[in-house]
Amino acid sequence: MEKVQLPEHPVFEVVAAAAAELGVDAYVIGGFVRDLVLNRPSKDIDVVCVGDGIVLAALVAEKLPHKPKVTVFKNFGTAMLRADEWEVEFVGARKESYREHSRKPDVEQGTLDDDLKRRDFTINALGISLNKGSYGELIDAFDGIKDMKRKVLKTPLEPGITFSDDPLRMMRAIRFASQLGFDIDPDTFDAIMDNKERIKIVSQERITDELNKIVLSPTPSYGFKLLFASGLLHLIFPKMTELHGVETINGNSHKDNFYHTLQVLDNVAEVSDDLWLRWAAIMHDIAKPDTKRYSPKVGWTFHGHEDRGARMVPKLFKDLKLPLNEHMKFVQKLVKLHLRPIALVKDTVTDSAIRRLLFESGDDIDALMKLCRADITSKNDNKVKRYLQNFDKVEKRLVEVEESDKLRHFQPVITGEVIMETFDLKPSKMVGDLKHILTEAILEGKVKNEFDEAFAFLLERGKEKGLRQVNSTNN
């Protein structure tokens, strides 16, 4: 029997001693074993005992020097404690049976073999013995090590049953393939296609949790291509699948915006592990199918797709159960602005255009530029190189204007309160109009963002609108 070297940490020997004292067999199981074999970092340890996992956890906590608190999840029959940087979860070996309209199984006590059979994939159906006489021995009932070496994902049991019982495992299959760079066994992938409709019984929160892990994988396009090929993407994110396809009229074709989006996503992934910047890449062209038009004179156009896309972001986030907070606003802003830096690659670009971009993007200018660089995709390497060199010029100008005008946190020195006090106005459209006129003048470089000059400009514009100064305002 092959042996595996467990990490040097007392928790493993303490679990072994506690299990022996209780007269039960215990095993490290699942993802921790997989990652140990693959030499991937992991701090989550799952311990299965052929007995009561909660009782075992309590005794382990007593025996550990720091006496950690045990958190019990009675509904699941599990318990968890922390041992230094490790999070250790305990559960009794179990077997499961499923009902057609639920992914929550009926659970009863079982053997180690029963517990391994209920695992999603062979690479996760691995165990390491913590028992006297077999400590460190690898349990591999379904050739998980062989599949790991072949870089193949397979289910321990018949895949159709595995995915029908718990449809979230279809998402997990694609997530593991994307994270690990593994292939999915053909019979297993066929079963995903056959059972894709079953994903409808899974909560959106659980689906999106797996989707986010795919988005954060090293080459996320791989996961999305598998989602698309399996038909799952059409069910969980139909708006993204609408990007797929090429239409040709009179010999004029547009590019496939689905594969373009995946290339942009991969390009972003090479320079950032920010989940929300990656979501901005996914959504930057999301409105192109809705704005696509053909004109014999100019060919295919997608006018206004950035504005329409930005308006679509809140609903897409809501549908996907993504957070409707500053992360959503960040994605919305980048979708809205993603064409702006491209318009600045000309040598004739004005300082006012640079000011506007800095003003509107604020602290997100660096993320926006990463997205815009990623958006340059072409089979023509010289064209890509030329565009990227132009972006170098734009970024240099951004730095120069930012240093002179400090526009990243720009706010006009004349506030709405000053305008209302000066002209004795209540909150109204007039106040907003005056503030907008003043902001525009500052961004255009007509007025310096200094109180005296800006206040004089305000009085002139107010006079034009029939207003007169009622109160003197001091800086």
Protein backbone atom coordinates (compact mmCIF):
# COMPACT_ATOMS: atom_id res chain seq x y z
CA MET A 1 0.00 0.00 0.00
CA GLU A 2 1.40 3.38 -1.05
CA LYS A 3 2.17 5.79 1.77
CA VAL A 4 1.86 9.60 1.71
CA GLN A 5 3.95 11.98 3.82
CA LEU A 6 1.57 14.15 5.82
CA PRO A 7 2.65 17.73 6.65
CA GLU A 8 4.59 18.16 9.88
CA HIS A 9 1.88 19.36 12.23
CA PRO A 10 0.73 17.83 15.54
CA VAL A 11 -2.96 17.93 14.55
CA PHE A 12 -2.64 14.72 12.50
CA GLU A 13 -1.10 12.72 15.33
CA VAL A 14 -3.60 14.19 17.82
CA VAL A 15 -6.52 13.10 15.61
CA ALA A 16 -4.94 9.64 15.32
CA ALA A 17 -4.56 9.39 19.14
CA ALA A 18 -8.13 10.61 19.78
CA ALA A 19 -9.59 8.18 17.25
CA ALA A 20 -7.65 5.29 18.82
CA GLU A 21 -8.91 6.30 22.28
CA LEU A 22 -12.50 6.27 21.01
CA GLY A 23 -11.98 3.00 19.16
CA VAL A 24 -12.91 4.44 15.73
CA ASP A 25 -11.06 4.58 12.43
CA ALA A 26 -10.22 8.04 11.06
CA TYR A 27 -8.98 9.27 7.70
CA VAL A 28 -7.95 12.53 6.07
CA ILE A 29 -10.11 12.63 2.97
CA GLY A 30 -10.96 14.52 -0.21
CA GLY A 31 -9.56 17.82 -1.46
CA PHE A 32 -6.75 18.05 1.08
CA VAL A 33 -5.35 14.70 -0.10
CA ARG A 34 -5.75 15.72 -3.75
CA ASP A 35 -3.87 18.98 -3.18
CA LEU A 36 -1.18 17.22 -1.15
CA VAL A 37 -0.51 14.85 -4.06
CA LEU A 38 -0.59 17.74 -6.56
CA ASN A 39 1.67 19.82 -4.31
CA ARG A 40 -0.94 22.61 -4.15
CA PRO A 41 -1.34 24.73 -1.00
CA SER A 42 -4.34 23.83 1.15
CA LYS A 43 -5.33 24.75 4.70
CA ASP A 44 -8.69 22.93 4.85
CA ILE A 45 -8.50 19.41 6.30
CA ASP A 46 -11.50 17.06 6.14
CA VAL A 47 -11.44 14.17 8.60
CA VAL A 48 -13.87 11.28 8.21
CA CYS A 49 -14.30 8.78 11.01
CA VAL A 50 -16.28 5.56 10.99
CA GLY A 51 -18.27 6.74 13.98
CA ASP A 52 -19.35 10.08 15.48
CA GLY A 53 -17.36 12.94 13.96
CA ILE A 54 -18.63 15.49 16.49
CA VAL A 55 -17.45 13.39 19.45
CA LEU A 56 -14.05 12.94 17.76
CA ALA A 57 -13.73 16.72 17.22
CA ALA A 58 -14.44 17.41 20.89
CA LEU A 59 -11.74 14.98 22.05
CA VAL A 60 -9.22 16.38 19.54
CA ALA A 61 -9.86 19.89 20.89
CA GLU A 62 -9.18 18.66 24.43
CA LYS A 63 -5.87 17.11 23.39
CA LEU A 64 -4.56 20.06 21.34
CA PRO A 65 -2.33 22.42 23.40
CA HIS A 66 -4.31 25.58 22.58
CA LYS A 67 -7.74 23.96 23.33
CA PRO A 68 -9.55 25.39 20.27
CA LYS A 69 -13.26 26.09 20.23
CA VAL A 70 -15.33 23.44 18.43
CA THR A 71 -18.11 24.74 16.17
CA VAL A 72 -20.85 22.14 15.71
CA PHE A 73 -23.23 22.04 12.73
CA LYS A 74 -25.87 19.62 14.00
CA ASN A 75 -28.00 19.75 10.84
CA PHE A 76 -25.03 18.44 8.85
CA GLY A 77 -23.56 16.21 11.55
CA THR A 78 -20.22 17.99 11.29
CA ALA A 79 -17.88 19.87 13.60
CA MET A 80 -15.01 22.27 12.89
CA LEU A 81 -12.02 23.61 14.79
CA ARG A 82 -8.92 25.65 14.02
CA ALA A 83 -5.42 24.33 14.63
CA ASP A 84 -3.01 27.20 13.92
CA GLU A 85 -3.43 28.00 10.21
CA TRP A 86 -5.39 24.80 9.56
CA GLU A 87 -9.18 24.55 9.50
CA VAL A 88 -10.18 20.98 10.37
CA GLU A 89 -13.69 19.63 9.73
CA PHE A 90 -14.90 16.33 11.20
CA VAL A 91 -17.74 14.15 9.96
CA GLY A 92 -18.86 10.57 10.40
CA ALA A 93 -18.67 8.27 7.38
CA ARG A 94 -22.00 8.30 5.60
CA LYS A 95 -23.94 7.07 2.64
CA GLU A 96 -26.45 9.18 0.77
CA SER A 97 -29.61 8.79 -1.29
CA TYR A 98 -31.27 11.55 -3.29
CA ARG A 99 -34.78 12.57 -4.24
CA GLU A 100 -35.56 13.79 -7.74
CA HIS A 101 -36.32 17.45 -6.98
CA SER A 102 -33.65 18.16 -4.36
CA ARG A 103 -29.86 18.08 -4.20
CA LYS A 104 -30.05 17.62 -0.41
CA PRO A 105 -29.51 13.92 0.26
CA ASP A 106 -31.04 11.61 2.84
CA VAL A 107 -28.02 10.64 4.95
CA GLU A 108 -27.31 7.63 7.13
CA GLN A 109 -24.23 6.19 8.77
CA GLY A 110 -21.98 4.25 6.46
CA THR A 111 -18.57 2.74 5.91
CA LEU A 112 -15.44 4.39 4.52
CA ASP A 113 -16.29 2.76 1.17
CA ASP A 114 -19.78 4.33 1.28
CA ASP A 115 -18.23 7.72 2.01
CA LEU A 116 -15.75 7.52 -0.85
CA LYS A 117 -18.51 6.46 -3.29
CA ARG A 118 -20.48 9.64 -2.56
CA ARG A 119 -17.54 11.86 -3.58
CA ASP A 120 -17.91 13.88 -6.77
CA PHE A 121 -14.72 12.88 -8.63
CA THR A 122 -12.12 10.15 -8.38
CA ILE A 123 -9.41 12.72 -7.61
CA ASN A 124 -11.45 13.73 -4.55
CA ALA A 125 -12.27 10.14 -3.52
CA LEU A 126 -8.88 9.71 -1.88
CA GLY A 127 -8.05 9.13 1.77
CA ILE A 128 -5.03 8.86 4.06
CA SER A 129 -5.25 6.56 7.06
CA LEU A 130 -4.67 8.00 10.55
CA ASN A 131 -4.98 4.56 12.16
CA LYS A 132 -2.43 2.52 14.03
CA GLY A 133 -0.75 -0.01 11.76
CA SER A 134 -1.71 1.83 8.56
CA TYR A 135 -0.87 5.47 9.42
CA GLY A 136 -0.09 7.44 6.25
CA GLU A 137 -1.36 4.77 3.87
CA LEU A 138 -3.19 6.07 0.78
CA ILE A 139 -6.73 4.81 0.12
CA ASP A 140 -7.53 5.02 -3.58
CA ALA A 141 -10.54 2.84 -4.38
CA PHE A 142 -11.34 4.50 -7.73
CA ASP A 143 -7.92 5.06 -9.34
CA GLY A 144 -7.90 8.77 -8.48
CA ILE A 145 -4.09 8.90 -8.56
CA LYS A 146 -4.07 7.42 -12.06
CA ASP A 147 -6.64 10.02 -13.21
CA MET A 148 -4.59 12.75 -11.56
CA LYS A 149 -1.50 11.70 -13.50
CA ARG A 150 -3.56 11.64 -16.72
CA LYS A 151 -5.09 15.02 -15.77
CA VAL A 152 -8.61 13.67 -16.23
CA LEU A 153 -11.77 14.29 -14.22
CA LYS A 154 -14.05 11.27 -13.78
CA THR A 155 -16.84 10.41 -11.36
CA PRO A 156 -16.40 7.42 -9.01
CA LEU A 157 -19.83 6.06 -9.93
CA GLU A 158 -21.92 6.25 -13.10
CA PRO A 159 -21.72 9.96 -14.08
CA GLY A 160 -25.39 10.32 -15.06
CA ILE A 161 -26.44 9.31 -11.55
CA THR A 162 -23.75 11.49 -9.95
CA PHE A 163 -24.91 14.64 -11.77
CA SER A 164 -28.63 13.91 -11.55
CA ASP A 165 -28.31 13.41 -7.77
CA ASP A 166 -26.38 16.63 -7.21
CA PRO A 167 -26.37 18.88 -10.31
CA LEU A 168 -23.95 21.37 -8.72
CA ARG A 169 -21.29 18.73 -9.38
CA MET A 170 -21.53 19.66 -13.08
CA MET A 171 -20.34 23.17 -12.22
CA ARG A 172 -17.70 21.72 -9.92
CA ALA A 173 -16.41 19.48 -12.73
CA ILE A 174 -15.88 22.48 -14.97
CA ARG A 175 -14.46 24.53 -12.10
CA PHE A 176 -11.86 21.85 -11.26
CA ALA A 177 -11.00 21.44 -14.95
CA SER A 178 -10.44 25.20 -15.21
CA GLN A 179 -8.49 25.51 -11.95
CA LEU A 180 -6.27 22.46 -12.51
CA GLY A 181 -6.01 22.46 -16.31
CA PHE A 182 -7.57 18.97 -16.45
CA ASP A 183 -9.67 17.39 -19.19
CA ILE A 184 -13.14 16.05 -18.42
CA ASP A 185 -13.54 12.36 -19.30
CA PRO A 186 -15.77 12.06 -22.44
CA ASP A 187 -18.44 9.93 -20.73
CA THR A 188 -18.46 12.35 -17.80
CA PHE A 189 -18.84 15.35 -20.12
CA ASP A 190 -21.63 13.60 -22.06
CA ALA A 191 -23.43 13.13 -18.73
CA ILE A 192 -23.10 16.87 -18.02
CA MET A 193 -24.73 17.66 -21.37
CA ASP A 194 -27.48 15.10 -20.73
CA ASN A 195 -28.23 16.44 -17.24
CA LYS A 196 -27.71 20.16 -17.81
CA GLU A 197 -31.39 21.02 -17.19
CA ARG A 198 -31.03 19.66 -13.65
CA ILE A 199 -28.96 22.74 -12.80
CA LYS A 200 -32.31 24.56 -12.41
CA ILE A 201 -32.85 22.94 -8.98
CA VAL A 202 -29.60 24.48 -7.66
CA SER A 203 -29.72 27.89 -5.94
CA GLN A 204 -28.24 30.79 -7.90
CA GLU A 205 -25.92 31.56 -4.97
CA ARG A 206 -24.27 28.13 -5.21
CA ILE A 207 -24.00 28.37 -9.00
CA THR A 208 -22.41 31.82 -8.82
CA ASP A 209 -19.96 30.67 -6.14
CA GLU A 210 -18.65 28.05 -8.59
CA LEU A 211 -18.80 30.56 -11.46
CA ASN A 212 -16.63 33.01 -9.52
CA LYS A 213 -14.06 30.27 -8.95
CA ILE A 214 -14.01 29.65 -12.72
CA VAL A 215 -13.59 33.41 -13.32
CA LEU A 216 -10.62 33.39 -10.90
CA SER A 217 -8.94 30.33 -12.45
CA PRO A 218 -5.57 30.75 -14.24
CA THR A 219 -7.08 30.61 -17.75
CA PRO A 220 -10.78 31.32 -17.21
CA SER A 221 -11.68 31.05 -20.90
CA TYR A 222 -11.17 27.27 -20.63
CA GLY A 223 -13.93 27.00 -18.03
CA PHE A 224 -16.28 29.22 -20.03
CA LYS A 225 -15.71 27.20 -23.21
CA LEU A 226 -16.66 24.04 -21.27
CA LEU A 227 -19.74 25.78 -19.85
CA PHE A 228 -20.72 26.82 -23.37
CA ALA A 229 -20.07 23.43 -24.98
CA SER A 230 -22.02 21.63 -22.27
CA GLY A 231 -25.05 23.93 -22.61
CA LEU A 232 -24.82 25.04 -18.97
CA LEU A 233 -23.87 28.62 -19.86
CA HIS A 234 -27.09 29.01 -21.86
CA LEU A 235 -29.02 28.22 -18.67
CA ILE A 236 -27.00 30.11 -16.04
CA PHE A 237 -25.85 33.19 -18.02
CA PRO A 238 -27.84 33.35 -21.29
CA LYS A 239 -26.89 36.98 -21.98
CA MET A 240 -23.27 35.94 -22.38
CA THR A 241 -24.12 33.22 -24.92
CA GLU A 242 -25.84 35.85 -27.10
CA LEU A 243 -22.36 37.21 -27.84
CA HIS A 244 -21.56 34.00 -29.73
CA GLY A 245 -21.63 33.81 -33.50
CA VAL A 246 -20.62 35.71 -36.62
CA GLU A 247 -23.10 37.32 -39.02
CA THR A 248 -22.13 38.10 -42.62
CA ILE A 249 -23.88 40.51 -44.98
CA ASN A 250 -22.52 41.33 -48.46
CA GLY A 251 -19.24 39.68 -47.52
CA ASN A 252 -18.84 41.83 -44.40
CA SER A 253 -18.51 39.94 -41.12
CA HIS A 254 -18.10 41.11 -37.55
CA LYS A 255 -15.88 39.24 -35.09
CA ASP A 256 -17.27 36.64 -32.73
CA ASN A 257 -17.79 38.72 -29.61
CA PHE A 258 -18.04 35.66 -27.35
CA TYR A 259 -14.52 34.47 -28.15
CA HIS A 260 -13.28 38.07 -28.15
CA THR A 261 -14.67 38.49 -24.63
CA LEU A 262 -12.93 35.30 -23.50
CA GLN A 263 -9.63 36.56 -24.92
CA VAL A 264 -10.05 39.87 -23.08
CA LEU A 265 -10.82 37.92 -19.88
CA ASP A 266 -7.66 35.84 -20.27
CA ASN A 267 -5.63 38.97 -21.00
CA VAL A 268 -6.92 40.57 -17.79
CA ALA A 269 -6.20 37.33 -15.88
CA GLU A 270 -2.55 37.58 -16.91
CA VAL A 271 -2.16 40.95 -15.16
CA SER A 272 -4.70 40.88 -12.32
CA ASP A 273 -6.39 38.45 -9.96
CA ASP A 274 -9.08 41.03 -9.10
CA LEU A 275 -12.44 39.22 -9.42
CA TRP A 276 -14.34 42.39 -10.28
CA LEU A 277 -11.90 43.54 -12.95
CA ARG A 278 -12.35 40.10 -14.49
CA TRP A 279 -16.14 40.54 -14.33
CA ALA A 280 -15.72 43.91 -16.07
CA ALA A 281 -13.90 42.05 -18.86
CA ILE A 282 -16.79 39.57 -19.10
CA MET A 283 -19.39 42.35 -19.34
CA HIS A 284 -17.55 45.03 -21.29
CA ASP A 285 -19.22 44.10 -24.61
CA ILE A 286 -22.35 42.50 -23.16
CA ALA A 287 -24.67 44.94 -25.00
CA LYS A 288 -23.19 44.35 -28.45
CA PRO A 289 -25.94 41.91 -29.53
CA ASP A 290 -28.57 44.54 -28.62
CA THR A 291 -26.79 47.39 -30.43
CA LYS A 292 -25.60 45.51 -33.53
CA ARG A 293 -26.50 47.27 -36.80
CA TYR A 294 -25.41 46.85 -40.43
CA SER A 295 -24.97 49.73 -42.87
CA PRO A 296 -23.81 49.22 -46.48
CA LYS A 297 -21.63 52.34 -46.13
CA VAL A 298 -19.81 51.57 -42.87
CA GLY A 299 -20.44 47.86 -42.26
CA TRP A 300 -21.19 46.53 -38.78
CA THR A 301 -21.57 48.96 -35.88
CA PHE A 302 -22.30 48.62 -32.16
CA HIS A 303 -22.92 52.28 -31.36
CA GLY A 304 -23.64 53.00 -27.71
CA HIS A 305 -22.92 49.46 -26.50
CA GLU A 306 -20.80 50.85 -23.67
CA ASP A 307 -23.65 53.00 -22.28
CA ARG A 308 -26.27 50.32 -22.76
CA GLY A 309 -23.96 47.72 -21.25
CA ALA A 310 -23.43 49.90 -18.17
CA ARG A 311 -27.20 50.17 -17.74
CA MET A 312 -27.51 46.38 -17.99
CA VAL A 313 -24.92 45.67 -15.28
CA PRO A 314 -27.20 46.10 -12.21
CA LYS A 315 -29.81 43.63 -13.52
CA LEU A 316 -27.14 41.12 -14.55
CA PHE A 317 -25.60 41.34 -11.09
CA LYS A 318 -29.03 40.92 -9.50
CA ASP A 319 -29.88 37.90 -11.68
CA LEU A 320 -26.52 36.27 -10.89
CA LYS A 321 -26.85 37.11 -7.19
CA LEU A 322 -23.61 39.09 -7.36
CA PRO A 323 -23.31 41.91 -4.79
CA LEU A 324 -25.21 45.11 -5.56
CA ASN A 325 -22.60 47.31 -3.89
CA GLU A 326 -19.38 49.12 -4.76
CA HIS A 327 -18.20 46.06 -6.74
CA MET A 328 -21.19 46.36 -9.05
CA LYS A 329 -20.60 50.12 -9.41
CA PHE A 330 -16.94 49.45 -10.25
CA VAL A 331 -17.89 47.01 -13.03
CA GLN A 332 -20.57 49.40 -14.28
CA LYS A 333 -18.08 52.28 -14.43
CA LEU A 334 -15.49 50.25 -16.36
CA VAL A 335 -18.09 48.99 -18.85
CA LYS A 336 -19.24 52.57 -19.44
CA LEU A 337 -15.73 53.98 -19.87
CA HIS A 338 -13.94 51.12 -21.65
CA LEU A 339 -13.93 52.84 -25.06
CA ARG A 340 -12.76 56.21 -23.78
CA PRO A 341 -9.00 55.55 -23.61
CA ILE A 342 -9.13 54.06 -27.11
CA ALA A 343 -10.43 57.42 -28.37
CA LEU A 344 -7.39 59.11 -26.79
CA VAL A 345 -4.70 57.34 -28.81
CA LYS A 346 -4.48 60.18 -31.34
CA ASP A 347 -1.59 62.64 -31.07
CA THR A 348 -4.08 65.52 -31.12
CA VAL A 349 -5.74 64.51 -27.86
CA THR A 350 -6.51 67.54 -25.69
CA ASP A 351 -5.79 68.09 -22.02
CA SER A 352 -9.53 68.53 -21.45
CA ALA A 353 -10.20 65.00 -22.76
CA ILE A 354 -7.54 63.64 -20.40
CA ARG A 355 -9.05 65.65 -17.52
CA ARG A 356 -12.49 64.21 -18.22
CA LEU A 357 -11.20 60.66 -18.21
CA LEU A 358 -9.37 61.21 -14.92
CA PHE A 359 -12.43 62.94 -13.43
CA GLU A 360 -14.86 60.18 -14.44
CA SER A 361 -12.62 57.19 -13.64
CA GLY A 362 -11.14 58.52 -10.38
CA ASP A 363 -9.25 55.85 -8.43
CA ASP A 364 -10.25 53.24 -11.02
CA ILE A 365 -8.13 54.70 -13.83
CA ASP A 366 -5.42 52.04 -13.44
CA ALA A 367 -7.97 49.21 -13.60
CA LEU A 368 -9.61 50.86 -16.62
CA MET A 369 -6.30 51.02 -18.47
CA LYS A 370 -5.65 47.33 -17.73
CA LEU A 371 -9.06 46.49 -19.21
CA CYS A 372 -8.44 48.67 -22.26
CA ARG A 373 -5.05 47.08 -22.92
CA ALA A 374 -6.66 43.65 -22.58
CA ASP A 375 -9.36 44.70 -25.07
CA ILE A 376 -6.81 44.98 -27.88
CA THR A 377 -7.21 41.59 -29.53
CA SER A 378 -6.23 40.89 -33.11
CA LYS A 379 -4.56 38.15 -35.13
CA ASN A 380 -2.37 40.93 -36.53
CA ASP A 381 0.51 41.17 -34.03
CA ASN A 382 1.76 44.44 -35.54
CA LYS A 383 -1.67 46.04 -35.06
CA VAL A 384 -1.75 44.95 -31.41
CA LYS A 385 1.79 46.25 -30.85
CA ARG A 386 0.92 49.60 -32.44
CA TYR A 387 -2.18 50.04 -30.28
CA LEU A 388 -0.31 49.14 -27.10
CA GLN A 389 2.41 51.67 -27.94
CA ASN A 390 -0.32 54.30 -28.35
CA PHE A 391 -1.66 53.35 -24.92
CA ASP A 392 1.82 53.96 -23.52
CA LYS A 393 1.53 57.55 -24.80
CA VAL A 394 -1.95 57.94 -23.28
CA GLU A 395 -0.76 56.67 -19.90
CA LYS A 396 2.16 59.10 -20.00
CA ARG A 397 -0.26 61.98 -20.67
CA LEU A 398 -2.54 60.77 -17.86
CA VAL A 399 0.39 60.93 -15.44
CA GLU A 400 1.40 64.40 -16.63
CA VAL A 401 -2.10 65.89 -16.36
CA GLU A 402 -2.75 64.16 -13.04
CA GLU A 403 0.43 65.62 -11.59
CA SER A 404 -0.46 69.16 -12.70
CA ASP A 405 -4.23 69.15 -12.06
CA LYS A 406 -4.73 66.50 -9.33
CA LEU A 407 -8.00 65.37 -10.95
CA ARG A 408 -8.20 61.84 -9.59
CA HIS A 409 -10.09 63.15 -6.54
CA PHE A 410 -11.39 66.25 -8.28
CA GLN A 411 -14.32 68.16 -6.79
CA PRO A 412 -15.21 71.72 -7.81
CA VAL A 413 -14.35 74.18 -5.03
CA ILE A 414 -17.81 75.71 -5.48
CA THR A 415 -20.27 73.29 -3.91
CA GLY A 416 -24.02 73.08 -4.28
CA GLU A 417 -24.34 74.64 -0.81
CA VAL A 418 -22.30 77.67 -1.93
CA ILE A 419 -24.51 78.08 -5.01
CA MET A 420 -27.72 77.93 -2.95
CA GLU A 421 -26.39 80.40 -0.37
CA THR A 422 -25.11 82.85 -3.00
CA PHE A 423 -28.39 83.07 -4.93
CA ASP A 424 -30.76 82.15 -2.06
CA LEU A 425 -31.93 79.02 -3.88
CA LYS A 426 -33.48 75.81 -2.56
CA PRO A 427 -32.32 72.41 -3.90
CA SER A 428 -33.46 72.46 -7.53
CA LYS A 429 -32.58 71.78 -11.15
CA MET A 430 -31.10 75.28 -11.36
CA VAL A 431 -28.51 74.43 -8.70
CA GLY A 432 -27.58 71.25 -10.55
CA ASP A 433 -27.33 73.10 -13.87
CA LEU A 434 -25.00 75.74 -12.42
CA LYS A 435 -22.81 73.12 -10.80
CA HIS A 436 -22.61 71.21 -14.11
CA ILE A 437 -21.69 74.37 -16.06
CA LEU A 438 -18.93 75.14 -13.55
CA THR A 439 -17.57 71.57 -13.62
CA GLU A 440 -17.49 71.62 -17.44
CA ALA A 441 -15.62 74.92 -17.47
CA ILE A 442 -12.98 73.58 -15.09
CA LEU A 443 -12.56 70.36 -17.09
CA GLU A 444 -12.26 72.36 -20.32
CA GLY A 445 -9.52 74.47 -18.73
CA LYS A 446 -11.54 77.72 -19.06
CA VAL A 447 -11.54 78.26 -15.31
CA LYS A 448 -9.04 77.21 -12.66
CA ASN A 449 -10.40 75.15 -9.79
CA GLU A 450 -9.61 77.99 -7.37
CA PHE A 451 -12.31 79.69 -5.32
CA ASP A 452 -12.05 83.32 -6.42
CA GLU A 453 -11.85 82.59 -10.14
CA ALA A 454 -14.54 79.89 -10.00
CA PHE A 455 -16.85 82.14 -7.89
CA ALA A 456 -16.52 85.00 -10.35
CA PHE A 457 -17.43 82.61 -13.18
CA LEU A 458 -20.44 81.41 -11.16
CA LEU A 459 -21.73 84.98 -10.70
CA GLU A 460 -21.50 85.60 -14.45
CA ARG A 461 -23.39 82.42 -15.32
CA GLY A 462 -25.97 83.17 -12.64
CA LYS A 463 -26.54 86.63 -14.05
CA GLU A 464 -27.12 85.12 -17.51
CA LYS A 465 -29.87 83.00 -15.97
CA GLY A 466 -31.53 85.99 -14.32
CA LEU A 467 -30.14 85.32 -10.85
CA ARG A 468 -28.56 87.94 -8.62
CA GLN A 469 -26.20 87.55 -5.72
CA VAL A 470 -28.10 87.72 -2.44
CA ASN A 471 -25.43 86.66 0.02
CA SER A 472 -21.70 87.23 -0.08
CA THR A 473 -19.79 83.99 0.34
CA ASN A 474 -16.37 83.71 1.87
CA ASN A 475 -13.91 81.04 0.89
